[in-house]
Amino acid sequence: MSNAAAASSTFAANRAAGRIELSVAARAGRTRRQKVYEDGPLRVRFPHAPSLEAVVVNTAGGIAGGDRHAIDVTAGDGATLTVTTAAAEKVYRALGDDSTISVRLEAHAGAKLSWLPQETILFDRAQLDRRIDVELAADATLLMAEAVIFGRSAMGERVEQGAFTDCWRVRRGGELVFAESVRLEGDIARSLGEPAVAAGGVAVATVLAIPGSEAAVERMRGQSFCGEVGASAWNGLAVARLCAKDGASLRRDLALVIAAFGGSLPRLWLN
């Protein structure tokens, strides 16, 4: 084996592979943990809260190129669960392979599942490939928010180059009801500067509510936002898109949208 091949093999062998498998069930009117599996740098903790709240912790402190994270969450019949993260997830520069995140969410009959992680922060030359797959029973409830920040503007950082792929697939009652794929590659700074992309903003987010209504969208439109926010409701779901000049502005706007869509912020968001 050549020196270059040996170095590549060693690098690959030292990449982090984290996994969480969590399932909860409703018992005697309360939601309780049923299965908790942790592997690699990923952990899940359950701080005391009025309802069950799961907090994902990455003990590695961030994600580097070649790291692979997988999170699998199931809410059983009638269960109520909110999943968040202990801090914003940082995705660092990749020297070779992409960083990958795979999220699978499942909500059974009558379950209420909220997926509300804190922001994902991409550093210059990060390469992130993320996929989120959701399976909902016909009468399950989902509130889902994902925010991405391109560089820590408060630290004077800027993302010039990199790659970001984000693929969402949501099924309800076995039917595909929401699908989208986003890809930014190469000169990300130039792309974000385009009026049809982010018009110079560096913080973006999507909020999805199922079921969602025009009434929820109207409540949202009555708010005063720091950045730009748009929303639509159709076929029993509601979607909001957010874009802001920095992470602090985006977080404030996200809190307003989540409240308008009938959700509440995890306690760690308020710290």
C-alpha atoms as a PDB file:
ATOM      1  CA  MET A   1       0.000   0.000   0.000  1.00  0.00           C
ATOM      2  CA  SER A   2       1.367   3.430  -0.932  1.00  0.00           C
ATOM      3  CA  ASN A   3       1.932   6.088   1.731  1.00  0.00           C
ATOM      4  CA  ALA A   4      -0.975   8.141   0.363  1.00  0.00           C
ATOM      5  CA  ALA A   5      -3.311   5.147   0.418  1.00  0.00           C
ATOM      6  CA  ALA A   6      -2.223   4.231   3.921  1.00  0.00           C
ATOM      7  CA  ALA A   7      -2.821   7.792   5.131  1.00  0.00           C
ATOM      8  CA  SER A   8      -6.265   7.821   3.508  1.00  0.00           C
ATOM      9  CA  SER A   9      -7.152   4.481   5.098  1.00  0.00           C
ATOM     10  CA  THR A  10      -6.014   5.681   8.527  1.00  0.00           C
ATOM     11  CA  PHE A  11      -8.000   8.902   8.159  1.00  0.00           C
ATOM     12  CA  ALA A  12     -11.163   6.996   7.211  1.00  0.00           C
ATOM     13  CA  ALA A  13     -10.766   4.580  10.122  1.00  0.00           C
ATOM     14  CA  ASN A  14     -10.643   7.490  12.558  1.00  0.00           C
ATOM     15  CA  ARG A  15     -13.830   9.186  11.379  1.00  0.00           C
ATOM     16  CA  ALA A  16     -16.648   9.414  13.914  1.00  0.00           C
ATOM     17  CA  ALA A  17     -19.715   7.240  13.396  1.00  0.00           C
ATOM     18  CA  GLY A  18     -22.497   8.148  15.787  1.00  0.00           C
ATOM     19  CA  ARG A  19     -25.955   6.648  16.144  1.00  0.00           C
ATOM     20  CA  ILE A  20     -29.025   7.144  18.297  1.00  0.00           C
ATOM     21  CA  GLU A  21     -32.131   4.959  18.282  1.00  0.00           C
ATOM     22  CA  LEU A  22     -34.899   6.291  20.491  1.00  0.00           C
ATOM     23  CA  SER A  23     -38.479   5.125  20.853  1.00  0.00           C
ATOM     24  CA  VAL A  24     -41.112   6.350  23.298  1.00  0.00           C
ATOM     25  CA  ALA A  25     -44.563   5.062  24.236  1.00  0.00           C
ATOM     26  CA  ALA A  26     -47.652   6.460  25.979  1.00  0.00           C
ATOM     27  CA  ARG A  27     -48.453   4.708  29.253  1.00  0.00           C
ATOM     28  CA  ALA A  28     -51.060   5.742  31.796  1.00  0.00           C
ATOM     29  CA  GLY A  29     -51.412   9.145  30.183  1.00  0.00           C
ATOM     30  CA  ARG A  30     -47.684   9.903  30.121  1.00  0.00           C
ATOM     31  CA  THR A  31     -44.971   9.459  27.505  1.00  0.00           C
ATOM     32  CA  ARG A  32     -42.101   7.271  28.658  1.00  0.00           C
ATOM     33  CA  ARG A  33     -38.895   6.004  27.144  1.00  0.00           C
ATOM     34  CA  GLN A  34     -39.171   2.584  25.567  1.00  0.00           C
ATOM     35  CA  LYS A  35     -35.787   2.118  23.889  1.00  0.00           C
ATOM     36  CA  VAL A  36     -32.605   4.190  24.049  1.00  0.00           C
ATOM     37  CA  TYR A  37     -29.552   3.132  22.043  1.00  0.00           C
ATOM     38  CA  GLU A  38     -26.393   5.242  21.774  1.00  0.00           C
ATOM     39  CA  ASP A  39     -23.228   4.641  19.787  1.00  0.00           C
ATOM     40  CA  GLY A  40     -20.103   6.647  19.013  1.00  0.00           C
ATOM     41  CA  PRO A  41     -20.076  10.326  20.046  1.00  0.00           C
ATOM     42  CA  LEU A  42     -23.867  10.712  20.091  1.00  0.00           C
ATOM     43  CA  ARG A  43     -25.807  10.688  23.363  1.00  0.00           C
ATOM     44  CA  VAL A  44     -29.395  11.517  24.277  1.00  0.00           C
ATOM     45  CA  ARG A  45     -30.417  13.032  27.595  1.00  0.00           C
ATOM     46  CA  PHE A  46     -33.819  13.744  29.160  1.00  0.00           C
ATOM     47  CA  PRO A  47     -33.925  16.876  31.334  1.00  0.00           C
ATOM     48  CA  HIS A  48     -36.940  17.321  33.556  1.00  0.00           C
ATOM     49  CA  ALA A  49     -39.718  19.070  31.645  1.00  0.00           C
ATOM     50  CA  PRO A  50     -43.542  19.165  31.779  1.00  0.00           C
ATOM     51  CA  SER A  51     -43.553  16.755  28.826  1.00  0.00           C
ATOM     52  CA  LEU A  52     -40.863  14.379  27.596  1.00  0.00           C
ATOM     53  CA  GLU A  53     -38.004  16.230  25.929  1.00  0.00           C
ATOM     54  CA  ALA A  54     -35.002  14.454  24.402  1.00  0.00           C
ATOM     55  CA  VAL A  55     -31.724  16.337  23.991  1.00  0.00           C
ATOM     56  CA  VAL A  56     -29.157  15.037  21.501  1.00  0.00           C
ATOM     57  CA  VAL A  57     -25.543  15.624  22.538  1.00  0.00           C
ATOM     58  CA  ASN A  58     -22.520  15.288  20.244  1.00  0.00           C
ATOM     59  CA  THR A  59     -19.622  14.650  22.626  1.00  0.00           C
ATOM     60  CA  ALA A  60     -17.145  15.179  19.766  1.00  0.00           C
ATOM     61  CA  GLY A  61     -17.989  18.897  19.765  1.00  0.00           C
ATOM     62  CA  GLY A  62     -18.683  19.040  16.041  1.00  0.00           C
ATOM     63  CA  ILE A  63     -18.701  17.133  12.768  1.00  0.00           C
ATOM     64  CA  ALA A  64     -15.672  16.798  10.491  1.00  0.00           C
ATOM     65  CA  GLY A  65     -15.319  15.531   6.950  1.00  0.00           C
ATOM     66  CA  GLY A  66     -16.083  11.814   6.716  1.00  0.00           C
ATOM     67  CA  ASP A  67     -18.039  11.696   9.983  1.00  0.00           C
ATOM     68  CA  ARG A  68     -21.384   9.868   9.826  1.00  0.00           C
ATOM     69  CA  HIS A  69     -24.273  10.498  12.185  1.00  0.00           C
ATOM     70  CA  ALA A  70     -27.626   8.677  12.200  1.00  0.00           C
ATOM     71  CA  ILE A  71     -30.621   9.482  14.412  1.00  0.00           C
ATOM     72  CA  ASP A  72     -33.731   7.299  14.499  1.00  0.00           C
ATOM     73  CA  VAL A  73     -36.727   8.485  16.564  1.00  0.00           C
ATOM     74  CA  THR A  74     -40.089   6.737  16.961  1.00  0.00           C
ATOM     75  CA  ALA A  75     -43.105   8.074  18.858  1.00  0.00           C
ATOM     76  CA  GLY A  76     -45.596   5.305  19.605  1.00  0.00           C
ATOM     77  CA  ASP A  77     -49.397   5.532  19.605  1.00  0.00           C
ATOM     78  CA  GLY A  78     -50.557   8.632  21.461  1.00  0.00           C
ATOM     79  CA  ALA A  79     -47.048   9.624  22.592  1.00  0.00           C
ATOM     80  CA  THR A  80     -45.809  13.220  22.774  1.00  0.00           C
ATOM     81  CA  LEU A  81     -42.117  13.932  22.250  1.00  0.00           C
ATOM     82  CA  THR A  82     -39.908  16.944  21.546  1.00  0.00           C
ATOM     83  CA  VAL A  83     -36.357  16.355  20.270  1.00  0.00           C
ATOM     84  CA  THR A  84     -33.740  19.098  20.318  1.00  0.00           C
ATOM     85  CA  THR A  85     -29.947  19.427  20.608  1.00  0.00           C
ATOM     86  CA  ALA A  86     -27.742  20.610  23.446  1.00  0.00           C
ATOM     87  CA  ALA A  87     -26.104  23.255  21.255  1.00  0.00           C
ATOM     88  CA  ALA A  88     -25.757  24.375  17.674  1.00  0.00           C
ATOM     89  CA  GLU A  89     -24.084  21.656  15.598  1.00  0.00           C
ATOM     90  CA  LYS A  90     -20.826  22.769  13.975  1.00  0.00           C
ATOM     91  CA  VAL A  91     -19.755  21.237  10.668  1.00  0.00           C
ATOM     92  CA  TYR A  92     -16.059  21.835  10.008  1.00  0.00           C
ATOM     93  CA  ARG A  93     -13.982  21.925   6.837  1.00  0.00           C
ATOM     94  CA  ALA A  94     -13.815  18.619   5.007  1.00  0.00           C
ATOM     95  CA  LEU A  95     -10.483  17.433   3.639  1.00  0.00           C
ATOM     96  CA  GLY A  96     -12.021  14.612   1.617  1.00  0.00           C
ATOM     97  CA  ASP A  97     -15.323  12.839   2.126  1.00  0.00           C
ATOM     98  CA  ASP A  98     -18.599  14.586   2.981  1.00  0.00           C
ATOM     99  CA  SER A  99     -19.951  14.743   6.500  1.00  0.00           C
ATOM    100  CA  THR A 100     -23.263  12.874   6.516  1.00  0.00           C
ATOM    101  CA  ILE A 101     -26.310  13.165   8.760  1.00  0.00           C
ATOM    102  CA  SER A 102     -29.248  10.794   8.413  1.00  0.00           C
ATOM    103  CA  VAL A 103     -32.419  11.466  10.392  1.00  0.00           C
ATOM    104  CA  ARG A 104     -35.424   9.135  10.468  1.00  0.00           C
ATOM    105  CA  LEU A 105     -38.565  10.216  12.319  1.00  0.00           C
ATOM    106  CA  GLU A 106     -41.679   8.100  12.818  1.00  0.00           C
ATOM    107  CA  ALA A 107     -44.934   9.032  14.562  1.00  0.00           C
ATOM    108  CA  HIS A 108     -47.656   6.429  15.085  1.00  0.00           C
ATOM    109  CA  ALA A 109     -51.403   6.904  15.523  1.00  0.00           C
ATOM    110  CA  GLY A 110     -52.265  10.025  17.514  1.00  0.00           C
ATOM    111  CA  ALA A 111     -48.613  10.786  18.298  1.00  0.00           C
ATOM    112  CA  LYS A 112     -47.235  14.330  18.486  1.00  0.00           C
ATOM    113  CA  LEU A 113     -43.602  14.696  17.453  1.00  0.00           C
ATOM    114  CA  SER A 114     -41.591  17.926  17.424  1.00  0.00           C
ATOM    115  CA  TRP A 115     -38.141  17.941  15.800  1.00  0.00           C
ATOM    116  CA  LEU A 116     -36.559  21.227  16.899  1.00  0.00           C
ATOM    117  CA  PRO A 117     -32.746  21.019  16.888  1.00  0.00           C
ATOM    118  CA  GLN A 118     -30.684  24.125  17.393  1.00  0.00           C
ATOM    119  CA  GLU A 119     -28.919  25.596  14.370  1.00  0.00           C
ATOM    120  CA  THR A 120     -26.429  23.801  12.133  1.00  0.00           C
ATOM    121  CA  ILE A 121     -23.393  26.035  11.556  1.00  0.00           C
ATOM    122  CA  LEU A 122     -21.318  25.399   8.438  1.00  0.00           C
ATOM    123  CA  PHE A 123     -17.679  26.501   8.388  1.00  0.00           C
ATOM    124  CA  ASP A 124     -15.800  27.483   5.250  1.00  0.00           C
ATOM    125  CA  ARG A 125     -15.195  24.454   2.974  1.00  0.00           C
ATOM    126  CA  ALA A 126     -17.541  22.239   4.945  1.00  0.00           C
ATOM    127  CA  GLN A 127     -19.211  19.458   2.953  1.00  0.00           C
ATOM    128  CA  LEU A 128     -22.472  18.279   4.475  1.00  0.00           C
ATOM    129  CA  ASP A 129     -24.896  15.738   3.021  1.00  0.00           C
ATOM    130  CA  ARG A 130     -28.052  15.522   5.138  1.00  0.00           C
ATOM    131  CA  ARG A 131     -31.185  13.423   4.623  1.00  0.00           C
ATOM    132  CA  ILE A 132     -34.371  13.548   6.696  1.00  0.00           C
ATOM    133  CA  ASP A 133     -37.066  10.890   6.232  1.00  0.00           C
ATOM    134  CA  VAL A 134     -40.376  11.121   8.095  1.00  0.00           C
ATOM    135  CA  GLU A 135     -43.176   8.554   8.360  1.00  0.00           C
ATOM    136  CA  LEU A 136     -46.433   9.769   9.925  1.00  0.00           C
ATOM    137  CA  ALA A 137     -49.646   7.973  10.711  1.00  0.00           C
ATOM    138  CA  ALA A 138     -52.671   9.644   9.116  1.00  0.00           C
ATOM    139  CA  ASP A 139     -53.628  11.326  12.421  1.00  0.00           C
ATOM    140  CA  ALA A 140     -50.132  12.017  13.773  1.00  0.00           C
ATOM    141  CA  THR A 141     -48.840  15.558  14.354  1.00  0.00           C
ATOM    142  CA  LEU A 142     -45.446  16.860  13.263  1.00  0.00           C
ATOM    143  CA  LEU A 143     -43.659  20.154  13.914  1.00  0.00           C
ATOM    144  CA  MET A 144     -40.231  20.296  12.362  1.00  0.00           C
ATOM    145  CA  ALA A 145     -37.703  23.140  12.112  1.00  0.00           C
ATOM    146  CA  GLU A 146     -34.192  23.134  10.677  1.00  0.00           C
ATOM    147  CA  ALA A 147     -31.914  26.183  10.593  1.00  0.00           C
ATOM    148  CA  VAL A 148     -28.577  26.504   8.790  1.00  0.00           C
ATOM    149  CA  ILE A 149     -26.049  29.297   9.315  1.00  0.00           C
ATOM    150  CA  PHE A 150     -23.221  29.792   6.836  1.00  0.00           C
ATOM    151  CA  GLY A 151     -20.336  30.973   9.005  1.00  0.00           C
ATOM    152  CA  ARG A 152     -20.359  32.682  12.391  1.00  0.00           C
ATOM    153  CA  SER A 153     -20.793  36.290  11.302  1.00  0.00           C
ATOM    154  CA  ALA A 154     -20.357  37.545  14.876  1.00  0.00           C
ATOM    155  CA  MET A 155     -16.834  36.056  14.758  1.00  0.00           C
ATOM    156  CA  GLY A 156     -16.072  37.626  11.394  1.00  0.00           C
ATOM    157  CA  GLU A 157     -16.258  34.244   9.653  1.00  0.00           C
ATOM    158  CA  ARG A 158     -17.546  33.774   6.110  1.00  0.00           C
ATOM    159  CA  VAL A 159     -18.262  30.682   4.046  1.00  0.00           C
ATOM    160  CA  GLU A 160     -16.663  31.107   0.636  1.00  0.00           C
ATOM    161  CA  GLN A 161     -16.541  27.533  -0.659  1.00  0.00           C
ATOM    162  CA  GLY A 162     -18.160  24.278   0.294  1.00  0.00           C
ATOM    163  CA  ALA A 163     -21.076  21.940  -0.370  1.00  0.00           C
ATOM    164  CA  PHE A 164     -24.445  21.514   1.298  1.00  0.00           C
ATOM    165  CA  THR A 165     -27.079  18.984   0.284  1.00  0.00           C
ATOM    166  CA  ASP A 166     -30.360  18.715   2.186  1.00  0.00           C
ATOM    167  CA  CYS A 167     -33.015  16.170   1.207  1.00  0.00           C
ATOM    168  CA  TRP A 168     -36.398  15.925   2.984  1.00  0.00           C
ATOM    169  CA  ARG A 169     -39.045  13.276   2.365  1.00  0.00           C
ATOM    170  CA  VAL A 170     -42.226  13.234   4.465  1.00  0.00           C
ATOM    171  CA  ARG A 171     -44.932  10.572   4.169  1.00  0.00           C
ATOM    172  CA  ARG A 172     -48.322  10.637   5.852  1.00  0.00           C
ATOM    173  CA  GLY A 173     -50.486   7.556   5.915  1.00  0.00           C
ATOM    174  CA  GLY A 174     -48.015   5.947   3.514  1.00  0.00           C
ATOM    175  CA  GLU A 175     -48.308   8.746   0.910  1.00  0.00           C
ATOM    176  CA  LEU A 176     -45.574  11.215   0.036  1.00  0.00           C
ATOM    177  CA  VAL A 177     -46.874  14.663   1.099  1.00  0.00           C
ATOM    178  CA  PHE A 178     -43.705  16.778   1.162  1.00  0.00           C
ATOM    179  CA  ALA A 179     -40.429  16.429  -0.720  1.00  0.00           C
ATOM    180  CA  GLU A 180     -37.618  18.823  -1.416  1.00  0.00           C
ATOM    181  CA  SER A 181     -33.913  18.794  -2.116  1.00  0.00           C
ATOM    182  CA  VAL A 182     -31.514  21.718  -1.745  1.00  0.00           C
ATOM    183  CA  ARG A 183     -27.948  21.797  -3.009  1.00  0.00           C
ATOM    184  CA  LEU A 184     -25.337  24.530  -2.771  1.00  0.00           C
ATOM    185  CA  GLU A 185     -21.908  23.708  -4.119  1.00  0.00           C
ATOM    186  CA  GLY A 186     -18.704  25.516  -4.969  1.00  0.00           C
ATOM    187  CA  ASP A 187     -18.843  29.294  -4.563  1.00  0.00           C
ATOM    188  CA  ILE A 188     -21.431  29.387  -1.787  1.00  0.00           C
ATOM    189  CA  ALA A 189     -20.815  33.064  -0.990  1.00  0.00           C
ATOM    190  CA  ARG A 190     -21.754  34.034  -4.544  1.00  0.00           C
ATOM    191  CA  SER A 191     -24.827  31.797  -4.495  1.00  0.00           C
ATOM    192  CA  LEU A 192     -26.071  33.258  -1.206  1.00  0.00           C
ATOM    193  CA  GLY A 193     -25.635  36.728  -2.655  1.00  0.00           C
ATOM    194  CA  GLU A 194     -28.096  36.024  -5.468  1.00  0.00           C
ATOM    195  CA  PRO A 195     -31.486  37.763  -4.958  1.00  0.00           C
ATOM    196  CA  ALA A 196     -33.363  34.523  -5.660  1.00  0.00           C
ATOM    197  CA  VAL A 197     -31.303  32.574  -3.098  1.00  0.00           C
ATOM    198  CA  ALA A 198     -30.637  34.598   0.071  1.00  0.00           C
ATOM    199  CA  ALA A 199     -29.899  38.147  -1.176  1.00  0.00           C
ATOM    200  CA  GLY A 200     -26.771  38.240   0.973  1.00  0.00           C
ATOM    201  CA  GLY A 201     -28.282  36.595   4.033  1.00  0.00           C
ATOM    202  CA  VAL A 202     -26.264  33.862   5.745  1.00  0.00           C
ATOM    203  CA  ALA A 203     -28.925  32.287   7.982  1.00  0.00           C
ATOM    204  CA  VAL A 204     -31.849  30.289   6.584  1.00  0.00           C
ATOM    205  CA  ALA A 205     -34.488  27.952   7.995  1.00  0.00           C
ATOM    206  CA  THR A 206     -37.547  25.906   7.114  1.00  0.00           C
ATOM    207  CA  VAL A 207     -40.448  25.119   9.443  1.00  0.00           C
ATOM    208  CA  LEU A 208     -42.954  22.395   8.544  1.00  0.00           C
ATOM    209  CA  ALA A 209     -46.219  21.742  10.397  1.00  0.00           C
ATOM    210  CA  ILE A 210     -48.507  18.755   9.768  1.00  0.00           C
ATOM    211  CA  PRO A 211     -51.375  19.313  10.104  1.00  0.00           C
ATOM    212  CA  GLY A 212     -51.042  22.944   9.120  1.00  0.00           C
ATOM    213  CA  SER A 213     -53.661  25.547   8.296  1.00  0.00           C
ATOM    214  CA  GLU A 214     -54.127  28.938   6.714  1.00  0.00           C
ATOM    215  CA  ALA A 215     -55.087  30.218  10.173  1.00  0.00           C
ATOM    216  CA  ALA A 216     -51.605  29.332  11.460  1.00  0.00           C
ATOM    217  CA  VAL A 217     -50.047  31.082   8.469  1.00  0.00           C
ATOM    218  CA  GLU A 218     -52.137  34.192   9.144  1.00  0.00           C
ATOM    219  CA  ARG A 219     -51.012  34.219  12.795  1.00  0.00           C
ATOM    220  CA  MET A 220     -47.436  34.100  11.583  1.00  0.00           C
ATOM    221  CA  ARG A 221     -47.945  36.906   9.073  1.00  0.00           C
ATOM    222  CA  GLY A 222     -49.141  39.138  11.890  1.00  0.00           C
ATOM    223  CA  GLN A 223     -45.691  39.087  13.517  1.00  0.00           C
ATOM    224  CA  SER A 224     -42.839  41.563  13.064  1.00  0.00           C
ATOM    225  CA  PHE A 225     -39.671  39.835  11.868  1.00  0.00           C
ATOM    226  CA  CYS A 226     -35.982  40.754  11.771  1.00  0.00           C
ATOM    227  CA  GLY A 227     -35.420  39.054   8.420  1.00  0.00           C
ATOM    228  CA  GLU A 228     -37.581  37.825   5.569  1.00  0.00           C
ATOM    229  CA  VAL A 229     -40.244  35.205   6.263  1.00  0.00           C
ATOM    230  CA  GLY A 230     -42.786  33.674   3.924  1.00  0.00           C
ATOM    231  CA  ALA A 231     -45.321  30.907   4.495  1.00  0.00           C
ATOM    232  CA  SER A 232     -47.967  28.881   2.702  1.00  0.00           C
ATOM    233  CA  ALA A 233     -50.565  26.272   3.646  1.00  0.00           C
ATOM    234  CA  TRP A 234     -51.921  23.596   1.327  1.00  0.00           C
ATOM    235  CA  ASN A 235     -53.223  20.017   1.474  1.00  0.00           C
ATOM    236  CA  GLY A 236     -53.230  19.993   5.271  1.00  0.00           C
ATOM    237  CA  LEU A 237     -49.677  21.192   5.849  1.00  0.00           C
ATOM    238  CA  ALA A 238     -47.989  24.554   6.434  1.00  0.00           C
ATOM    239  CA  VAL A 239     -44.439  25.572   5.511  1.00  0.00           C
ATOM    240  CA  ALA A 240     -42.482  28.691   6.451  1.00  0.00           C
ATOM    241  CA  ARG A 241     -39.194  29.827   4.919  1.00  0.00           C
ATOM    242  CA  LEU A 242     -36.898  32.173   6.787  1.00  0.00           C
ATOM    243  CA  CYS A 243     -33.820  34.151   5.766  1.00  0.00           C
ATOM    244  CA  ALA A 244     -31.852  36.556   7.944  1.00  0.00           C
ATOM    245  CA  LYS A 245     -28.573  38.443   7.991  1.00  0.00           C
ATOM    246  CA  ASP A 246     -27.260  36.558  11.052  1.00  0.00           C
ATOM    247  CA  GLY A 247     -28.008  33.709  13.410  1.00  0.00           C
ATOM    248  CA  ALA A 248     -29.388  35.860  16.228  1.00  0.00           C
ATOM    249  CA  SER A 249     -31.990  37.436  13.951  1.00  0.00           C
ATOM    250  CA  LEU A 250     -32.940  34.044  12.551  1.00  0.00           C
ATOM    251  CA  ARG A 251     -33.425  32.544  16.017  1.00  0.00           C
ATOM    252  CA  ARG A 252     -35.756  35.354  17.052  1.00  0.00           C
ATOM    253  CA  ASP A 253     -37.806  34.879  13.892  1.00  0.00           C
ATOM    254  CA  LEU A 254     -37.869  31.104  14.338  1.00  0.00           C
ATOM    255  CA  ALA A 255     -39.306  31.470  17.829  1.00  0.00           C
ATOM    256  CA  LEU A 256     -42.176  33.573  16.444  1.00  0.00           C
ATOM    257  CA  VAL A 257     -42.919  31.129  13.629  1.00  0.00           C
ATOM    258  CA  ILE A 258     -42.836  28.067  15.900  1.00  0.00           C
ATOM    259  CA  ALA A 259     -45.253  29.762  18.314  1.00  0.00           C
ATOM    260  CA  ALA A 260     -47.586  30.762  15.470  1.00  0.00           C
ATOM    261  CA  PHE A 261     -47.585  27.163  14.249  1.00  0.00           C
ATOM    262  CA  GLY A 262     -48.714  25.977  17.686  1.00  0.00           C
ATOM    263  CA  GLY A 263     -45.366  24.815  19.057  1.00  0.00           C
ATOM    264  CA  SER A 264     -43.250  25.808  22.034  1.00  0.00           C
ATOM    265  CA  LEU A 265     -39.504  26.208  22.245  1.00  0.00           C
ATOM    266  CA  PRO A 266     -37.414  23.566  24.024  1.00  0.00           C
ATOM    267  CA  ARG A 267     -36.006  24.831  27.316  1.00  0.00           C
ATOM    268  CA  LEU A 268     -32.419  24.741  26.012  1.00  0.00           C
ATOM    269  CA  TRP A 269     -33.318  27.289  23.320  1.00  0.00           C
ATOM    270  CA  LEU A 270     -34.073  29.765  26.085  1.00  0.00           C
ATOM    271  CA  ASN A 271     -30.726  29.460  27.902  1.00  0.00           C
END
